[in-house]
PDB file of N, CA and C in Angstrom:
ATOM      1  N   UNK A   1       0.850  -1.174   0.000  1.00  0.00           N
ATOM      2  CA  UNK A   1       0.000   0.000   0.000  1.00  0.00           C
ATOM      3  C   UNK A   1       0.894   1.235   0.000  1.00  0.00           C
ATOM      4  N   UNK A   2       0.611   2.160  -0.922  1.00  0.00           N
ATOM      5  CA  UNK A   2       1.414   3.384  -0.958  1.00  0.00           C
ATOM      6  C   UNK A   2       0.674   4.512  -0.255  1.00  0.00           C
ATOM      7  N   UNK A   3       1.435   5.374   0.348  1.00  0.00           N
ATOM      8  CA  UNK A   3       0.857   6.529   1.024  1.00  0.00           C
ATOM      9  C   UNK A   3       0.794   7.691   0.046  1.00  0.00           C
ATOM     10  N   UNK A   4      -0.399   8.197  -0.183  1.00  0.00           N
ATOM     11  CA  UNK A   4      -0.600   9.323  -1.078  1.00  0.00           C
ATOM     12  C   UNK A   4      -0.963  10.529  -0.232  1.00  0.00           C
ATOM     13  N   UNK A   5      -0.254  11.618  -0.449  1.00  0.00           N
ATOM     14  CA  UNK A   5      -0.507  12.845   0.305  1.00  0.00           C
ATOM     15  C   UNK A   5      -1.690  13.598  -0.293  1.00  0.00           C
ATOM     16  N   UNK A   6      -2.375  14.334   0.557  1.00  0.00           N
ATOM     17  CA  UNK A   6      -3.521  15.126   0.111  1.00  0.00           C
ATOM     18  C   UNK A   6      -3.098  16.101  -0.986  1.00  0.00           C
ATOM     19  N   UNK A   7      -1.941  16.697  -0.831  1.00  0.00           N
ATOM     20  CA  UNK A   7      -1.464  17.665  -1.820  1.00  0.00           C
ATOM     21  C   UNK A   7      -1.341  17.038  -3.203  1.00  0.00           C
ATOM     22  N   UNK A   8      -0.935  15.768  -3.263  1.00  0.00           N
ATOM     23  CA  UNK A   8      -0.809  15.078  -4.539  1.00  0.00           C
ATOM     24  C   UNK A   8      -2.176  14.873  -5.187  1.00  0.00           C
ATOM     25  N   UNK A   9      -3.169  14.559  -4.402  1.00  0.00           N
ATOM     26  CA  UNK A   9      -4.531  14.396  -4.915  1.00  0.00           C
ATOM     27  C   UNK A   9      -5.094  15.741  -5.382  1.00  0.00           C
ATOM     28  N   UNK A  10      -4.884  16.790  -4.592  1.00  0.00           N
ATOM     29  CA  UNK A  10      -5.381  18.107  -4.962  1.00  0.00           C
ATOM     30  C   UNK A  10      -4.753  18.598  -6.259  1.00  0.00           C
ATOM     31  N   UNK A  11      -3.516  18.223  -6.494  1.00  0.00           N
ATOM     32  CA  UNK A  11      -2.804  18.652  -7.688  1.00  0.00           C
ATOM     33  C   UNK A  11      -3.466  18.094  -8.951  1.00  0.00           C
ATOM     34  N   UNK A  12      -4.193  16.984  -8.829  1.00  0.00           N
ATOM     35  CA  UNK A  12      -4.847  16.382  -9.987  1.00  0.00           C
ATOM     36  C   UNK A  12      -6.062  17.187 -10.450  1.00  0.00           C
ATOM     37  N   UNK A  13      -6.630  17.992  -9.570  1.00  0.00           N
ATOM     38  CA  UNK A  13      -7.758  18.839  -9.936  1.00  0.00           C
ATOM     39  C   UNK A  13      -7.251  20.070 -10.676  1.00  0.00           C
ATOM     40  N   UNK A  14      -8.120  20.682 -11.427  1.00  0.00           N
ATOM     41  CA  UNK A  14      -7.782  21.927 -12.119  1.00  0.00           C
ATOM     42  C   UNK A  14      -8.753  23.004 -11.664  1.00  0.00           C
ATOM     43  N   UNK A  15      -8.306  24.233 -11.764  1.00  0.00           N
ATOM     44  CA  UNK A  15      -9.118  25.349 -11.326  1.00  0.00           C
ATOM     45  C   UNK A  15      -9.059  26.425 -12.393  1.00  0.00           C
ATOM     46  N   UNK A  16     -10.212  26.851 -12.857  1.00  0.00           N
ATOM     47  CA  UNK A  16     -10.270  27.921 -13.847  1.00  0.00           C
ATOM     48  C   UNK A  16     -10.639  29.210 -13.120  1.00  0.00           C
ATOM     49  N   UNK A  17      -9.705  30.137 -13.062  1.00  0.00           N
ATOM     50  CA  UNK A  17      -9.864  31.390 -12.327  1.00  0.00           C
ATOM     51  C   UNK A  17     -10.716  32.366 -13.133  1.00  0.00           C
ATOM     52  N   UNK A  18     -11.718  32.942 -12.485  1.00  0.00           N
ATOM     53  CA  UNK A  18     -12.546  33.990 -13.062  1.00  0.00           C
ATOM     54  C   UNK A  18     -11.922  35.315 -12.620  1.00  0.00           C
ATOM     55  N   UNK A  19     -10.996  35.816 -13.393  1.00  0.00           N
ATOM     56  CA  UNK A  19     -10.181  36.972 -13.022  1.00  0.00           C
ATOM     57  C   UNK A  19     -11.073  38.168 -12.664  1.00  0.00           C
ATOM     58  N   UNK A  20     -10.808  38.725 -11.487  1.00  0.00           N
ATOM     59  CA  UNK A  20     -11.529  39.900 -11.032  1.00  0.00           C
ATOM     60  C   UNK A  20     -12.905  39.614 -10.441  1.00  0.00           C
ATOM     61  N   UNK A  21     -13.317  38.330 -10.398  1.00  0.00           N
ATOM     62  CA  UNK A  21     -14.631  37.970  -9.858  1.00  0.00           C
ATOM     63  C   UNK A  21     -14.513  36.763  -8.939  1.00  0.00           C
ATOM     64  N   UNK A  22     -13.814  36.902  -7.809  1.00  0.00           N
ATOM     65  CA  UNK A  22     -13.703  35.757  -6.896  1.00  0.00           C
ATOM     66  C   UNK A  22     -15.076  35.390  -6.341  1.00  0.00           C
ATOM     67  N   UNK A  23     -15.322  34.104  -6.166  1.00  0.00           N
ATOM     68  CA  UNK A  23     -16.634  33.657  -5.677  1.00  0.00           C
ATOM     69  C   UNK A  23     -16.735  33.693  -4.151  1.00  0.00           C
ATOM     70  N   UNK A  24     -15.615  33.896  -3.488  1.00  0.00           N
ATOM     71  CA  UNK A  24     -15.617  34.014  -2.026  1.00  0.00           C
ATOM     72  C   UNK A  24     -14.717  35.192  -1.644  1.00  0.00           C
ATOM     73  N   UNK A  25     -15.213  36.004  -0.713  1.00  0.00           N
ATOM     74  CA  UNK A  25     -14.464  37.179  -0.262  1.00  0.00           C
ATOM     75  C   UNK A  25     -14.617  37.314   1.241  1.00  0.00           C
ATOM     76  N   UNK A  26     -13.593  37.853   1.878  1.00  0.00           N
ATOM     77  CA  UNK A  26     -13.680  38.240   3.284  1.00  0.00           C
ATOM     78  C   UNK A  26     -14.334  39.616   3.309  1.00  0.00           C
ATOM     79  N   UNK A  27     -15.413  39.758   4.074  1.00  0.00           N
ATOM     80  CA  UNK A  27     -16.133  41.034   4.134  1.00  0.00           C
ATOM     81  C   UNK A  27     -15.299  42.113   4.812  1.00  0.00           C
ATOM     82  N   UNK A  28     -14.747  41.804   5.988  1.00  0.00           N
ATOM     83  CA  UNK A  28     -13.994  42.779   6.780  1.00  0.00           C
ATOM     84  C   UNK A  28     -12.762  42.085   7.363  1.00  0.00           C
ATOM     85  N   UNK A  29     -11.609  42.379   6.815  1.00  0.00           N
ATOM     86  CA  UNK A  29     -10.368  41.721   7.247  1.00  0.00           C
ATOM     87  C   UNK A  29     -10.040  42.005   8.710  1.00  0.00           C
ATOM     88  N   UNK A  30     -10.484  43.136   9.223  1.00  0.00           N
ATOM     89  CA  UNK A  30     -10.220  43.467  10.628  1.00  0.00           C
ATOM     90  C   UNK A  30     -10.930  42.504  11.578  1.00  0.00           C
ATOM     91  N   UNK A  31     -12.100  42.019  11.200  1.00  0.00           N
ATOM     92  CA  UNK A  31     -12.807  41.047  12.033  1.00  0.00           C
ATOM     93  C   UNK A  31     -11.986  39.768  12.143  1.00  0.00           C
ATOM     94  N   UNK A  32     -11.431  39.320  11.025  1.00  0.00           N
ATOM     95  CA  UNK A  32     -10.604  38.101  11.040  1.00  0.00           C
ATOM     96  C   UNK A  32      -9.360  38.289  11.900  1.00  0.00           C
ATOM     97  N   UNK A  33      -8.786  39.464  11.833  1.00  0.00           N
ATOM     98  CA  UNK A  33      -7.536  39.722  12.550  1.00  0.00           C
ATOM     99  C   UNK A  33      -7.745  40.004  14.029  1.00  0.00           C
ATOM    100  N   UNK A  34      -8.844  40.673  14.372  1.00  0.00           N
ATOM    101  CA  UNK A  34      -9.025  41.138  15.748  1.00  0.00           C
ATOM    102  C   UNK A  34     -10.094  40.374  16.524  1.00  0.00           C
ATOM    103  N   UNK A  35     -11.251  40.142  15.924  1.00  0.00           N
ATOM    104  CA  UNK A  35     -12.371  39.539  16.654  1.00  0.00           C
ATOM    105  C   UNK A  35     -12.332  38.013  16.642  1.00  0.00           C
ATOM    106  N   UNK A  36     -11.691  37.441  15.662  1.00  0.00           N
ATOM    107  CA  UNK A  36     -11.650  35.978  15.544  1.00  0.00           C
ATOM    108  C   UNK A  36     -10.322  35.459  16.098  1.00  0.00           C
ATOM    109  N   UNK A  37     -10.344  35.038  17.335  1.00  0.00           N
ATOM    110  CA  UNK A  37      -9.114  34.618  18.005  1.00  0.00           C
ATOM    111  C   UNK A  37      -8.541  33.328  17.435  1.00  0.00           C
ATOM    112  N   UNK A  38      -9.404  32.417  16.995  1.00  0.00           N
ATOM    113  CA  UNK A  38      -8.927  31.102  16.565  1.00  0.00           C
ATOM    114  C   UNK A  38      -8.518  31.043  15.099  1.00  0.00           C
ATOM    115  N   UNK A  39      -9.078  31.891  14.273  1.00  0.00           N
ATOM    116  CA  UNK A  39      -8.779  31.916  12.835  1.00  0.00           C
ATOM    117  C   UNK A  39      -8.789  30.499  12.244  1.00  0.00           C
ATOM    118  N   UNK A  40      -9.873  29.789  12.498  1.00  0.00           N
ATOM    119  CA  UNK A  40      -9.997  28.385  12.103  1.00  0.00           C
ATOM    120  C   UNK A  40      -9.919  28.164  10.598  1.00  0.00           C
ATOM    121  N   UNK A  41     -10.316  29.145   9.825  1.00  0.00           N
ATOM    122  CA  UNK A  41     -10.282  28.973   8.368  1.00  0.00           C
ATOM    123  C   UNK A  41      -8.871  28.691   7.873  1.00  0.00           C
ATOM    124  N   UNK A  42      -7.870  29.215   8.578  1.00  0.00           N
ATOM    125  CA  UNK A  42      -6.482  29.022   8.155  1.00  0.00           C
ATOM    126  C   UNK A  42      -6.013  27.586   8.375  1.00  0.00           C
ATOM    127  N   UNK A  43      -6.741  26.851   9.191  1.00  0.00           N
ATOM    128  CA  UNK A  43      -6.374  25.462   9.492  1.00  0.00           C
ATOM    129  C   UNK A  43      -7.300  24.482   8.785  1.00  0.00           C
ATOM    130  N   UNK A  44      -8.578  24.833   8.668  1.00  0.00           N
ATOM    131  CA  UNK A  44      -9.593  23.890   8.198  1.00  0.00           C
ATOM    132  C   UNK A  44      -9.786  23.853   6.690  1.00  0.00           C
ATOM    133  N   UNK A  45      -9.418  24.887   5.980  1.00  0.00           N
ATOM    134  CA  UNK A  45      -9.619  24.902   4.526  1.00  0.00           C
ATOM    135  C   UNK A  45      -8.770  23.808   3.882  1.00  0.00           C
ATOM    136  N   UNK A  46      -9.402  22.825   3.224  1.00  0.00           N
ATOM    137  CA  UNK A  46      -8.624  21.725   2.644  1.00  0.00           C
ATOM    138  C   UNK A  46      -7.718  22.158   1.492  1.00  0.00           C
ATOM    139  N   UNK A  47      -8.039  23.268   0.856  1.00  0.00           N
ATOM    140  CA  UNK A  47      -7.219  23.755  -0.257  1.00  0.00           C
ATOM    141  C   UNK A  47      -6.165  24.757   0.194  1.00  0.00           C
ATOM    142  N   UNK A  48      -6.191  25.147   1.479  1.00  0.00           N
ATOM    143  CA  UNK A  48      -5.196  26.082   1.996  1.00  0.00           C
ATOM    144  C   UNK A  48      -5.337  27.484   1.431  1.00  0.00           C
ATOM    145  N   UNK A  49      -6.557  27.922   1.177  1.00  0.00           N
ATOM    146  CA  UNK A  49      -6.794  29.245   0.591  1.00  0.00           C
ATOM    147  C   UNK A  49      -6.611  30.381   1.587  1.00  0.00           C
ATOM    148  N   UNK A  50      -6.673  30.076   2.885  1.00  0.00           N
ATOM    149  CA  UNK A  50      -6.562  31.100   3.924  1.00  0.00           C
ATOM    150  C   UNK A  50      -5.202  30.986   4.607  1.00  0.00           C
ATOM    151  N   UNK A  51      -4.529  32.115   4.725  1.00  0.00           N
ATOM    152  CA  UNK A  51      -3.241  32.142   5.419  1.00  0.00           C
ATOM    153  C   UNK A  51      -3.197  33.357   6.354  1.00  0.00           C
ATOM    154  N   UNK A  52      -2.309  33.296   7.322  1.00  0.00           N
ATOM    155  CA  UNK A  52      -2.107  34.418   8.251  1.00  0.00           C
ATOM    156  C   UNK A  52      -0.768  35.051   7.918  1.00  0.00           C
ATOM    157  N   UNK A  53      -0.786  36.349   7.690  1.00  0.00           N
ATOM    158  CA  UNK A  53       0.454  37.080   7.443  1.00  0.00           C
ATOM    159  C   UNK A  53       1.168  37.331   8.763  1.00  0.00           C
ATOM    160  N   UNK A  54       2.365  37.803   8.698  1.00  0.00           N
ATOM    161  CA  UNK A  54       3.166  38.072   9.886  1.00  0.00           C
ATOM    162  C   UNK A  54       2.528  39.050  10.856  1.00  0.00           C
ATOM    163  N   UNK A  55       1.691  39.948  10.346  1.00  0.00           N
ATOM    164  CA  UNK A  55       1.029  40.934  11.203  1.00  0.00           C
ATOM    165  C   UNK A  55      -0.289  40.416  11.778  1.00  0.00           C
ATOM    166  N   UNK A  56      -0.612  39.135  11.548  1.00  0.00           N
ATOM    167  CA  UNK A  56      -1.826  38.533  12.080  1.00  0.00           C
ATOM    168  C   UNK A  56      -3.044  38.678  11.192  1.00  0.00           C
ATOM    169  N   UNK A  57      -2.879  39.309  10.055  1.00  0.00           N
ATOM    170  CA  UNK A  57      -3.989  39.535   9.125  1.00  0.00           C
ATOM    171  C   UNK A  57      -4.255  38.269   8.311  1.00  0.00           C
ATOM    172  N   UNK A  58      -5.530  37.871   8.222  1.00  0.00           N
ATOM    173  CA  UNK A  58      -5.917  36.706   7.434  1.00  0.00           C
ATOM    174  C   UNK A  58      -6.090  37.133   5.981  1.00  0.00           C
ATOM    175  N   UNK A  59      -5.474  36.369   5.081  1.00  0.00           N
ATOM    176  CA  UNK A  59      -5.534  36.654   3.650  1.00  0.00           C
ATOM    177  C   UNK A  59      -6.180  35.469   2.951  1.00  0.00           C
ATOM    178  N   UNK A  60      -7.065  35.758   2.015  1.00  0.00           N
ATOM    179  CA  UNK A  60      -7.747  34.737   1.233  1.00  0.00           C
ATOM    180  C   UNK A  60      -7.305  34.829  -0.218  1.00  0.00           C
ATOM    181  N   UNK A  61      -6.827  33.728  -0.750  1.00  0.00           N
ATOM    182  CA  UNK A  61      -6.547  33.608  -2.180  1.00  0.00           C
ATOM    183  C   UNK A  61      -7.425  32.469  -2.665  1.00  0.00           C
ATOM    184  N   UNK A  62      -8.497  32.819  -3.370  1.00  0.00           N
ATOM    185  CA  UNK A  62      -9.518  31.828  -3.716  1.00  0.00           C
ATOM    186  C   UNK A  62      -9.140  30.933  -4.889  1.00  0.00           C
ATOM    187  N   UNK A  63      -8.037  31.224  -5.573  1.00  0.00           N
ATOM    188  CA  UNK A  63      -7.581  30.351  -6.655  1.00  0.00           C
ATOM    189  C   UNK A  63      -7.282  28.975  -6.067  1.00  0.00           C
ATOM    190  N   UNK A  64      -7.923  27.952  -6.581  1.00  0.00           N
ATOM    191  CA  UNK A  64      -7.727  26.606  -6.067  1.00  0.00           C
ATOM    192  C   UNK A  64      -8.780  26.179  -5.063  1.00  0.00           C
ATOM    193  N   UNK A  65      -9.732  27.051  -4.761  1.00  0.00           N
ATOM    194  CA  UNK A  65     -10.804  26.726  -3.827  1.00  0.00           C
ATOM    195  C   UNK A  65     -11.591  25.521  -4.340  1.00  0.00           C
ATOM    196  N   UNK A  66     -11.867  24.581  -3.455  1.00  0.00           N
ATOM    197  CA  UNK A  66     -12.595  23.365  -3.835  1.00  0.00           C
ATOM    198  C   UNK A  66     -14.111  23.527  -3.708  1.00  0.00           C
ATOM    199  N   UNK A  67     -14.561  24.718  -3.318  1.00  0.00           N
ATOM    200  CA  UNK A  67     -15.988  25.024  -3.206  1.00  0.00           C
ATOM    201  C   UNK A  67     -16.712  24.063  -2.271  1.00  0.00           C
ATOM    202  N   UNK A  68     -16.034  23.629  -1.222  1.00  0.00           N
ATOM    203  CA  UNK A  68     -16.610  22.651  -0.293  1.00  0.00           C
ATOM    204  C   UNK A  68     -17.506  23.298   0.749  1.00  0.00           C
ATOM    205  N   UNK A  69     -17.320  24.596   1.009  1.00  0.00           N
ATOM    206  CA  UNK A  69     -18.139  25.301   1.979  1.00  0.00           C
ATOM    207  C   UNK A  69     -17.632  25.227   3.406  1.00  0.00           C
ATOM    208  N   UNK A  70     -16.481  24.621   3.632  1.00  0.00           N
ATOM    209  CA  UNK A  70     -15.927  24.523   4.988  1.00  0.00           C
ATOM    210  C   UNK A  70     -15.776  25.903   5.620  1.00  0.00           C
ATOM    211  N   UNK A  71     -15.292  26.860   4.864  1.00  0.00           N
ATOM    212  CA  UNK A  71     -15.078  28.202   5.416  1.00  0.00           C
ATOM    213  C   UNK A  71     -16.392  28.830   5.871  1.00  0.00           C
ATOM    214  N   UNK A  72     -17.469  28.576   5.161  1.00  0.00           N
ATOM    215  CA  UNK A  72     -18.773  29.134   5.562  1.00  0.00           C
ATOM    216  C   UNK A  72     -19.235  28.543   6.888  1.00  0.00           C
ATOM    217  N   UNK A  73     -18.969  27.278   7.083  1.00  0.00           N
ATOM    218  CA  UNK A  73     -19.362  26.613   8.325  1.00  0.00           C
ATOM    219  C   UNK A  73     -18.486  27.095   9.480  1.00  0.00           C
ATOM    220  N   UNK A  74     -17.188  27.178   9.243  1.00  0.00           N
ATOM    221  CA  UNK A  74     -16.228  27.579  10.272  1.00  0.00           C
ATOM    222  C   UNK A  74     -16.460  29.023  10.700  1.00  0.00           C
ATOM    223  N   UNK A  75     -16.843  29.893   9.777  1.00  0.00           N
ATOM    224  CA  UNK A  75     -17.020  31.318  10.059  1.00  0.00           C
ATOM    225  C   UNK A  75     -18.443  31.630  10.509  1.00  0.00           C
ATOM    226  N   UNK A  76     -19.098  30.684  11.110  1.00  0.00           N
ATOM    227  CA  UNK A  76     -20.494  30.846  11.508  1.00  0.00           C
ATOM    228  C   UNK A  76     -20.681  31.934  12.561  1.00  0.00           C
ATOM    229  N   UNK A  77     -19.744  32.062  13.480  1.00  0.00           N
ATOM    230  CA  UNK A  77     -19.884  33.042  14.561  1.00  0.00           C
ATOM    231  C   UNK A  77     -19.871  34.477  14.029  1.00  0.00           C
ATOM    232  N   UNK A  78     -18.941  34.767  13.126  1.00  0.00           N
ATOM    233  CA  UNK A  78     -18.783  36.136  12.639  1.00  0.00           C
ATOM    234  C   UNK A  78     -19.475  36.382  11.302  1.00  0.00           C
ATOM    235  N   UNK A  79     -19.758  35.336  10.570  1.00  0.00           N
ATOM    236  CA  UNK A  79     -20.395  35.451   9.239  1.00  0.00           C
ATOM    237  C   UNK A  79     -19.703  36.538   8.417  1.00  0.00           C
ATOM    238  N   UNK A  80     -18.401  36.371   8.277  1.00  0.00           N
ATOM    239  CA  UNK A  80     -17.571  37.400   7.655  1.00  0.00           C
ATOM    240  C   UNK A  80     -17.170  37.055   6.226  1.00  0.00           C
ATOM    241  N   UNK A  81     -17.918  36.174   5.589  1.00  0.00           N
ATOM    242  CA  UNK A  81     -17.604  35.804   4.215  1.00  0.00           C
ATOM    243  C   UNK A  81     -18.772  36.095   3.286  1.00  0.00           C
ATOM    244  N   UNK A  82     -18.439  36.523   2.086  1.00  0.00           N
ATOM    245  CA  UNK A  82     -19.401  36.558   0.982  1.00  0.00           C
ATOM    246  C   UNK A  82     -19.049  35.354   0.120  1.00  0.00           C
ATOM    247  N   UNK A  83     -19.986  34.437  -0.067  1.00  0.00           N
ATOM    248  CA  UNK A  83     -19.695  33.189  -0.774  1.00  0.00           C
ATOM    249  C   UNK A  83     -20.832  32.892  -1.738  1.00  0.00           C
ATOM    250  N   UNK A  84     -20.476  32.577  -2.972  1.00  0.00           N
ATOM    251  CA  UNK A  84     -21.441  32.123  -3.965  1.00  0.00           C
ATOM    252  C   UNK A  84     -20.730  31.155  -4.895  1.00  0.00           C
ATOM    253  N   UNK A  85     -21.480  30.357  -5.597  1.00  0.00           N
ATOM    254  CA  UNK A  85     -20.847  29.461  -6.550  1.00  0.00           C
ATOM    255  C   UNK A  85     -20.261  30.280  -7.698  1.00  0.00           C
ATOM    256  N   UNK A  86     -19.145  29.832  -8.259  1.00  0.00           N
ATOM    257  CA  UNK A  86     -18.565  30.553  -9.399  1.00  0.00           C
ATOM    258  C   UNK A  86     -19.501  30.511 -10.607  1.00  0.00           C
ATOM    259  N   UNK A  87     -19.283  31.443 -11.517  1.00  0.00           N
ATOM    260  CA  UNK A  87     -20.040  31.433 -12.772  1.00  0.00           C
ATOM    261  C   UNK A  87     -19.755  30.138 -13.522  1.00  0.00           C
ATOM    262  N   UNK A  88     -20.660  29.773 -14.379  1.00  0.00           N
ATOM    263  CA  UNK A  88     -20.496  28.554 -15.172  1.00  0.00           C
ATOM    264  C   UNK A  88     -19.185  28.537 -15.940  1.00  0.00           C
ATOM    265  N   UNK A  89     -18.507  27.411 -15.891  1.00  0.00           N
ATOM    266  CA  UNK A  89     -17.236  27.263 -16.592  1.00  0.00           C
ATOM    267  C   UNK A  89     -16.022  27.662 -15.778  1.00  0.00           C
ATOM    268  N   UNK A  90     -16.242  28.245 -14.599  1.00  0.00           N
ATOM    269  CA  UNK A  90     -15.134  28.665 -13.750  1.00  0.00           C
ATOM    270  C   UNK A  90     -15.150  27.865 -12.458  1.00  0.00           C
ATOM    271  N   UNK A  91     -14.046  27.927 -11.735  1.00  0.00           N
ATOM    272  CA  UNK A  91     -13.944  27.246 -10.453  1.00  0.00           C
ATOM    273  C   UNK A  91     -13.252  25.901 -10.583  1.00  0.00           C
ATOM    274  N   UNK A  92     -13.560  25.021  -9.648  1.00  0.00           N
ATOM    275  CA  UNK A  92     -12.882  23.719  -9.564  1.00  0.00           C
ATOM    276  C   UNK A  92     -13.341  22.795 -10.693  1.00  0.00           C
ATOM    277  N   UNK A  93     -12.399  22.099 -11.267  1.00  0.00           N
ATOM    278  CA  UNK A  93     -12.675  21.086 -12.279  1.00  0.00           C
ATOM    279  C   UNK A  93     -12.068  19.783 -11.779  1.00  0.00           C
ATOM    280  N   UNK A  94     -12.913  18.912 -11.231  1.00  0.00           N
ATOM    281  CA  UNK A  94     -12.420  17.678 -10.660  1.00  0.00           C
ATOM    282  C   UNK A  94     -12.046  16.705 -11.770  1.00  0.00           C
ATOM    283  N   UNK A  95     -10.893  16.086 -11.644  1.00  0.00           N
ATOM    284  CA  UNK A  95     -10.423  15.166 -12.676  1.00  0.00           C
ATOM    285  C   UNK A  95     -11.206  13.853 -12.669  1.00  0.00           C
ATOM    286  N   UNK A  96     -11.572  13.396 -11.500  1.00  0.00           N
ATOM    287  CA  UNK A  96     -12.235  12.085 -11.396  1.00  0.00           C
ATOM    288  C   UNK A  96     -13.687  12.202 -10.939  1.00  0.00           C
ATOM    289  N   UNK A  97     -14.377  13.245 -11.324  1.00  0.00           N
ATOM    290  CA  UNK A  97     -15.743  13.376 -10.842  1.00  0.00           C
ATOM    291  C   UNK A  97     -16.638  14.135 -11.761  1.00  0.00           C
TER     292      UNK A  97
END
């Protein structure tokens, strides 16, 4: 049995970026940095779209988002995301699905 890393599986998917029209946005970055002590999105996002900069600010890069909705569930307390499905033809393109 071989061990396959999640990153290797994710690499098999393709993502078509809708330039200038991200399907998910952080409404107020200050809420993520100041009011959200746990910043769970930075740990729970399976695609790693959320990161924390050195100054504690949460940054979202939606390229590669798997559209799973984990961030919407995790951000339930603050509801600090604008999320919608990408326009037709854009977003995640699963290789085996």
